[in-house]
Amino acid sequence: MRRLPPLAAIRAFEAAARTENFTAAAAELGMTQAAVSYQVKSLEERLGAPLFIREKGRARLTPLGQRLLPSLSSAFDTLESAFASHREEDESLLTITTTHTFANTWLAWRLGAFQMEHTDLAVRMTTSNELCDLRAGDADVAIRAGNGGWEGFEHHRLFESSFTPMSSPECIAETERKLGRRIEPNDMLDVNRINPSDEWWQQWFSDNGVPADDAALRRPGIRLENQANEGHAAMAGQGFALLTPLLWKGDVAAGRLAVPFPDRVSARAWSYWLVYPTERRLTPKIKRFREWLLPEIERSVADAAGGWPQPAAEAAE
């Protein structure tokens, strides 16, 4: 066990001894002059000897104070250096945690542009759908889906979670060939649906006046753990998946996905959010990322609201 005087008293003495002025020490430490004087007095009482000879406008050190000052100043220099090293290392790396879906469909495609704008900053992205402890250092910022309102955290709403059926153009064409007509919402009951028992399908059917019984909603089929996997399965022609337009619009434009019902988009009660601890809102690297992300998201939201793109193959004809 360390047998040290209170750190507050040591700090007050070191600042007063270095500046030879209690008022200057108080300004440096963000304390009142009376508080500095109290802390120094408590240290003198603990040592059983005076540390200063008080003079008008100056606090002159006693021999004991002169002997203690160099070692204490050196110790504080070492502490300051240790924390400065941590701050330097911390400020040079931005760690972002987000969901598998948002990472794979949106952020990974754009994050390099942010790093190129801030070449002094290394950027690391981790993916997880689990809760993370931002205050414990798991990451600097999180992008998660939810209802917002997390106490003690700054949270910026990015975009609403919405969804509509999508599949590969070939899958839709084959389905319509078998039907002998254009595909209709009721047909979604009988096609291969990815994650067929997902509650999103239940909502989409309800929103579009499609009567779906329990058998239709509990039918067997492929089940994948996140929308990123569902979207890639849909591209591979494995069926129809409910996907968020903002995240997959580029794949529609490239002809990898197609949207059979472009005007039939359902919305969830939750959104995607940028989240970080309130006390870190002015941290430079977090501020820089926030100032880059929010306008980027605004552009994507505006683009998604502009309607579905014409697939590349059709545009070339």
Protein backbone atom coordinates (compact mmCIF):
# COMPACT_ATOMS: atom_id res chain seq x y z
CA MET A 1 0.00 0.00 0.00
CA ARG A 2 1.33 3.43 -0.96
CA ARG A 3 1.59 5.87 1.95
CA LEU A 4 1.15 9.12 0.03
CA PRO A 5 -0.40 12.42 1.06
CA PRO A 6 -3.59 13.34 -0.84
CA LEU A 7 -2.85 13.96 -4.52
CA ALA A 8 -4.83 17.21 -4.47
CA ALA A 9 -2.50 18.60 -1.80
CA ILE A 10 0.60 17.50 -3.72
CA ARG A 11 -0.70 19.13 -6.93
CA ALA A 12 -1.44 22.37 -5.12
CA PHE A 13 2.01 22.45 -3.54
CA GLU A 14 3.81 21.66 -6.82
CA ALA A 15 1.97 24.37 -8.76
CA ALA A 16 2.44 26.97 -6.01
CA ALA A 17 6.12 26.09 -5.61
CA ARG A 18 6.79 26.20 -9.34
CA THR A 19 5.06 29.56 -9.83
CA GLU A 20 6.00 30.92 -6.37
CA ASN A 21 2.51 32.36 -6.25
CA PHE A 22 -0.69 30.92 -4.78
CA THR A 23 -2.92 33.00 -7.06
CA ALA A 24 -1.10 31.81 -10.21
CA ALA A 25 -1.30 28.22 -8.96
CA ALA A 26 -5.04 28.59 -8.39
CA ALA A 27 -5.54 29.87 -11.96
CA GLU A 28 -3.53 26.96 -13.37
CA LEU A 29 -5.45 24.35 -11.40
CA GLY A 30 -8.89 25.90 -11.80
CA MET A 31 -9.21 26.42 -8.03
CA THR A 32 -9.61 29.41 -5.76
CA GLN A 33 -6.57 30.91 -4.04
CA ALA A 34 -8.10 29.93 -0.71
CA ALA A 35 -8.44 26.31 -1.83
CA VAL A 36 -4.77 26.16 -2.86
CA SER A 37 -3.77 27.66 0.47
CA TYR A 38 -5.91 25.11 2.32
CA GLN A 39 -4.38 22.17 0.42
CA VAL A 40 -0.82 23.40 1.05
CA LYS A 41 -1.58 23.92 4.71
CA SER A 42 -2.98 20.38 5.03
CA LEU A 43 0.23 19.01 3.46
CA GLU A 44 2.40 21.05 5.86
CA GLU A 45 0.41 19.69 8.81
CA ARG A 46 0.88 16.16 7.52
CA LEU A 47 4.66 16.71 7.15
CA GLY A 48 4.94 18.60 10.42
CA ALA A 49 7.00 21.36 8.83
CA PRO A 50 6.39 24.50 6.73
CA LEU A 51 6.91 24.39 2.96
CA PHE A 52 6.67 28.12 2.24
CA ILE A 53 7.69 31.37 3.74
CA ARG A 54 4.76 33.64 2.93
CA GLU A 55 5.75 37.04 1.60
CA LYS A 56 3.66 39.74 0.01
CA GLY A 57 3.00 38.72 -3.62
CA ARG A 58 5.32 35.71 -3.38
CA ALA A 59 5.53 32.31 -1.72
CA ARG A 60 9.19 31.47 -1.09
CA LEU A 61 10.14 27.85 -0.50
CA THR A 62 11.65 26.62 2.73
CA PRO A 63 14.61 24.19 2.50
CA LEU A 64 12.14 21.28 2.80
CA GLY A 65 10.02 22.69 -0.04
CA GLN A 66 13.14 23.18 -2.19
CA ARG A 67 14.12 19.55 -1.59
CA LEU A 68 10.66 18.18 -2.51
CA LEU A 69 9.92 20.30 -5.58
CA PRO A 70 12.32 18.75 -8.18
CA SER A 71 11.19 15.18 -7.49
CA LEU A 72 7.50 16.09 -7.50
CA SER A 73 7.78 18.16 -10.70
CA SER A 74 9.59 15.27 -12.36
CA ALA A 75 6.85 12.87 -11.25
CA PHE A 76 4.15 15.11 -12.67
CA ASP A 77 6.12 15.44 -15.92
CA THR A 78 6.20 11.64 -16.15
CA LEU A 79 2.45 11.40 -15.53
CA GLU A 80 1.75 14.11 -18.09
CA SER A 81 3.93 12.35 -20.65
CA ALA A 82 2.14 9.03 -20.06
CA PHE A 83 -1.29 10.55 -20.61
CA ALA A 84 -0.07 12.59 -23.59
CA SER A 85 1.18 9.38 -25.18
CA HIS A 86 -2.22 7.78 -24.65
CA ARG A 87 -4.00 10.82 -26.09
CA GLU A 88 -1.74 10.78 -29.14
CA GLU A 89 -2.37 7.09 -29.75
CA ASP A 90 -6.09 7.46 -29.10
CA GLU A 91 -6.44 10.41 -31.47
CA SER A 92 -4.62 8.63 -34.29
CA LEU A 93 -7.13 5.75 -34.55
CA LEU A 94 -10.90 5.95 -35.02
CA THR A 95 -12.74 2.70 -34.29
CA ILE A 96 -16.27 2.34 -35.64
CA THR A 97 -18.59 -0.52 -34.75
CA THR A 98 -21.66 -1.12 -36.87
CA THR A 99 -24.00 -3.87 -38.01
CA HIS A 100 -22.99 -6.43 -40.63
CA THR A 101 -25.68 -5.09 -42.95
CA PHE A 102 -24.78 -1.40 -42.76
CA ALA A 103 -21.07 -2.16 -43.05
CA ASN A 104 -21.40 -4.39 -46.11
CA THR A 105 -24.04 -2.44 -48.01
CA TRP A 106 -23.13 1.19 -47.29
CA LEU A 107 -20.25 2.12 -45.01
CA ALA A 108 -17.48 -0.10 -46.41
CA TRP A 109 -18.10 1.41 -49.85
CA ARG A 110 -17.51 4.95 -48.58
CA LEU A 111 -15.23 4.77 -45.57
CA GLY A 112 -12.07 5.03 -47.67
CA ALA A 113 -13.18 8.48 -48.83
CA PHE A 114 -13.34 9.66 -45.21
CA GLN A 115 -9.85 8.33 -44.47
CA MET A 116 -8.46 9.99 -47.61
CA GLU A 117 -9.85 13.31 -46.37
CA HIS A 118 -8.12 12.72 -43.01
CA THR A 119 -4.81 11.07 -43.87
CA ASP A 120 -3.48 11.61 -40.34
CA LEU A 121 -6.17 9.30 -38.99
CA ALA A 122 -6.25 5.51 -39.16
CA VAL A 123 -9.76 4.05 -39.35
CA ARG A 124 -10.85 0.62 -38.14
CA MET A 125 -14.33 -0.81 -38.66
CA THR A 126 -15.69 -3.76 -36.71
CA THR A 127 -19.03 -5.46 -37.34
CA SER A 128 -21.38 -6.87 -34.76
CA ASN A 129 -25.09 -6.90 -34.05
CA GLU A 130 -24.43 -7.19 -30.32
CA LEU A 131 -24.41 -4.39 -27.76
CA CYS A 132 -21.01 -2.83 -27.18
CA ASP A 133 -19.61 -0.75 -24.32
CA LEU A 134 -18.39 2.51 -25.85
CA ARG A 135 -17.24 3.85 -22.48
CA ALA A 136 -15.09 0.77 -21.90
CA GLY A 137 -13.24 1.41 -25.16
CA ASP A 138 -14.87 -1.23 -27.38
CA ALA A 139 -15.13 1.48 -30.05
CA ASP A 140 -15.25 5.26 -30.42
CA VAL A 141 -18.62 5.41 -32.18
CA ALA A 142 -21.40 2.96 -32.99
CA ILE A 143 -23.93 2.84 -35.81
CA ARG A 144 -26.89 0.78 -34.69
CA ALA A 145 -30.56 0.26 -35.43
CA GLY A 146 -33.12 0.98 -32.74
CA ASN A 147 -35.56 3.48 -31.28
CA GLY A 148 -32.99 6.01 -30.03
CA GLY A 149 -33.16 7.76 -26.69
CA TRP A 150 -30.08 6.18 -25.10
CA GLU A 151 -29.43 8.06 -21.87
CA GLY A 152 -25.94 9.52 -21.54
CA PHE A 153 -25.22 9.20 -25.26
CA GLU A 154 -25.37 11.58 -28.18
CA HIS A 155 -27.47 9.97 -30.92
CA HIS A 156 -28.05 11.26 -34.44
CA ARG A 157 -30.85 9.72 -36.49
CA LEU A 158 -29.45 8.64 -39.85
CA PHE A 159 -32.39 7.14 -41.74
CA GLU A 160 -35.61 5.23 -41.27
CA SER A 161 -35.56 1.47 -41.63
CA SER A 162 -37.81 0.53 -44.56
CA PHE A 163 -38.12 -2.56 -46.76
CA THR A 164 -39.61 -3.99 -49.92
CA PRO A 165 -39.23 -7.32 -51.76
CA MET A 166 -36.22 -7.64 -54.06
CA SER A 167 -34.69 -10.46 -56.04
CA SER A 168 -32.42 -10.99 -59.01
CA PRO A 169 -33.85 -9.90 -62.38
CA GLU A 170 -33.53 -13.50 -63.56
CA CYS A 171 -35.56 -14.79 -60.62
CA ILE A 172 -38.35 -12.29 -61.28
CA ALA A 173 -38.33 -13.08 -65.01
CA GLU A 174 -38.55 -16.83 -64.32
CA THR A 175 -41.38 -16.32 -61.82
CA GLU A 176 -43.34 -14.24 -64.34
CA ARG A 177 -42.69 -16.81 -67.08
CA LYS A 178 -44.24 -19.51 -64.90
CA LEU A 179 -47.18 -17.27 -63.98
CA GLY A 180 -47.68 -16.12 -67.57
CA ARG A 181 -48.19 -12.55 -66.33
CA ARG A 182 -46.66 -9.74 -64.30
CA ILE A 183 -45.95 -10.65 -60.70
CA GLU A 184 -48.40 -9.28 -58.10
CA PRO A 185 -48.15 -8.83 -54.30
CA ASN A 186 -50.36 -11.90 -53.68
CA ASP A 187 -47.79 -14.02 -55.50
CA MET A 188 -45.29 -13.41 -52.71
CA LEU A 189 -47.18 -16.01 -50.67
CA ASP A 190 -46.09 -18.79 -53.01
CA VAL A 191 -42.61 -17.79 -54.22
CA ASN A 192 -39.36 -18.76 -52.50
CA ARG A 193 -39.05 -16.20 -49.74
CA ILE A 194 -35.79 -15.71 -47.87
CA ASN A 195 -36.47 -15.77 -44.09
CA PRO A 196 -40.16 -16.57 -44.80
CA SER A 197 -41.19 -16.48 -41.12
CA ASP A 198 -39.59 -13.08 -40.48
CA GLU A 199 -42.06 -10.61 -38.95
CA TRP A 200 -41.11 -8.17 -41.71
CA TRP A 201 -43.00 -10.37 -44.19
CA GLN A 202 -46.03 -10.34 -41.94
CA GLN A 203 -45.99 -6.54 -41.86
CA TRP A 204 -45.42 -6.22 -45.62
CA PHE A 205 -48.35 -8.53 -46.37
CA SER A 206 -50.55 -6.59 -43.95
CA ASP A 207 -49.50 -3.21 -45.39
CA ASN A 208 -50.38 -4.39 -48.90
CA GLY A 209 -53.69 -6.10 -48.17
CA VAL A 210 -52.40 -9.62 -48.72
CA PRO A 211 -54.18 -12.12 -46.43
CA ALA A 212 -51.48 -14.38 -45.01
CA ASP A 213 -52.36 -17.23 -42.69
CA ASP A 214 -50.02 -18.88 -40.19
CA ALA A 215 -49.12 -21.64 -42.64
CA ALA A 216 -47.90 -19.12 -45.19
CA LEU A 217 -45.90 -17.23 -42.59
CA ARG A 218 -44.35 -20.35 -41.06
CA ARG A 219 -43.44 -22.14 -44.25
CA PRO A 220 -39.94 -23.67 -44.45
CA GLY A 221 -37.23 -21.84 -46.33
CA ILE A 222 -33.73 -20.43 -46.12
CA ARG A 223 -33.03 -18.40 -42.96
CA LEU A 224 -30.09 -16.03 -42.77
CA GLU A 225 -28.91 -13.98 -39.82
CA ASN A 226 -28.76 -10.51 -41.36
CA GLN A 227 -29.98 -8.45 -44.28
CA ALA A 228 -26.52 -8.37 -45.89
CA ASN A 229 -26.63 -12.15 -46.31
CA GLU A 230 -30.25 -12.04 -47.43
CA GLY A 231 -29.44 -9.50 -50.14
CA HIS A 232 -26.60 -11.58 -51.53
CA ALA A 233 -28.78 -14.69 -51.50
CA ALA A 234 -31.41 -12.75 -53.45
CA MET A 235 -28.75 -11.65 -55.98
CA ALA A 236 -27.84 -15.31 -56.42
CA GLY A 237 -31.43 -16.09 -57.42
CA GLN A 238 -32.34 -17.98 -54.26
CA GLY A 239 -35.61 -16.14 -53.77
CA PHE A 240 -37.17 -12.85 -52.67
CA ALA A 241 -35.79 -10.92 -49.71
CA LEU A 242 -37.14 -7.89 -47.87
CA LEU A 243 -34.41 -5.27 -48.23
CA THR A 244 -33.93 -1.60 -47.30
CA PRO A 245 -34.00 0.58 -50.46
CA LEU A 246 -31.33 3.05 -49.30
CA LEU A 247 -28.84 0.25 -48.72
CA TRP A 248 -29.39 -1.66 -51.97
CA LYS A 249 -30.13 1.02 -54.54
CA GLY A 250 -26.66 0.68 -56.05
CA ASP A 251 -27.22 -3.03 -56.66
CA VAL A 252 -30.52 -2.26 -58.35
CA ALA A 253 -28.78 0.30 -60.59
CA ALA A 254 -26.09 -2.30 -61.44
CA GLY A 255 -28.72 -4.87 -62.37
CA ARG A 256 -27.82 -7.29 -59.58
CA LEU A 257 -31.21 -6.82 -57.90
CA ALA A 258 -34.65 -5.86 -59.15
CA VAL A 259 -37.72 -4.46 -57.38
CA PRO A 260 -41.06 -5.96 -58.47
CA PHE A 261 -43.18 -3.46 -56.50
CA PRO A 262 -41.27 -0.14 -56.40
CA ASP A 263 -44.15 1.77 -54.77
CA ARG A 264 -44.85 -0.79 -52.04
CA VAL A 265 -42.29 0.06 -49.35
CA SER A 266 -43.03 -0.63 -45.69
CA ALA A 267 -41.38 1.12 -42.75
CA ARG A 268 -40.34 -0.08 -39.32
CA ALA A 269 -40.72 1.87 -36.09
CA TRP A 270 -36.96 2.12 -35.68
CA SER A 271 -34.08 3.80 -37.48
CA TYR A 272 -30.31 3.69 -37.88
CA TRP A 273 -28.39 5.97 -35.49
CA LEU A 274 -24.89 7.30 -34.94
CA VAL A 275 -24.14 6.93 -31.21
CA TYR A 276 -21.24 7.96 -28.92
CA PRO A 277 -20.84 9.04 -25.26
CA THR A 278 -22.00 12.58 -24.59
CA GLU A 279 -18.72 13.50 -22.89
CA ARG A 280 -16.82 12.65 -26.09
CA ARG A 281 -18.88 14.77 -28.49
CA LEU A 282 -16.03 17.30 -28.89
CA THR A 283 -13.29 14.69 -29.32
CA PRO A 284 -11.68 15.76 -32.63
CA LYS A 285 -11.76 12.38 -34.39
CA ILE A 286 -15.42 11.82 -33.44
CA LYS A 287 -16.34 15.34 -34.50
CA ARG A 288 -14.60 14.84 -37.86
CA PHE A 289 -16.39 11.54 -38.49
CA ARG A 290 -19.78 13.00 -37.52
CA GLU A 291 -19.27 16.01 -39.80
CA TRP A 292 -18.45 13.66 -42.69
CA LEU A 293 -21.11 10.99 -42.06
CA LEU A 294 -24.23 13.12 -41.63
CA PRO A 295 -23.98 14.91 -45.02
CA GLU A 296 -23.13 11.59 -46.72
CA ILE A 297 -26.24 10.01 -45.24
CA GLU A 298 -28.33 13.03 -46.27
CA ARG A 299 -27.20 12.56 -49.86
CA SER A 300 -28.07 8.86 -49.76
CA VAL A 301 -31.50 9.57 -48.27
CA ALA A 302 -32.18 12.19 -50.95
CA ASP A 303 -31.02 9.76 -53.63
CA ALA A 304 -33.26 7.00 -52.28
CA ALA A 305 -36.20 9.41 -52.24
CA GLY A 306 -35.58 10.20 -55.90
CA GLY A 307 -37.05 6.91 -57.08
CA TRP A 308 -35.58 3.68 -58.33
CA PRO A 309 -32.74 3.85 -60.85
CA GLN A 310 -32.97 2.32 -64.27
CA PRO A 311 -30.82 -0.83 -64.36
CA ALA A 312 -27.56 -0.39 -66.23
CA ALA A 313 -28.46 -2.97 -68.87
CA GLU A 314 -31.73 -1.22 -69.70
CA ALA A 315 -30.11 2.23 -69.70
CA ALA A 316 -27.63 1.06 -72.35
CA GLU A 317 -30.35 -0.09 -74.77
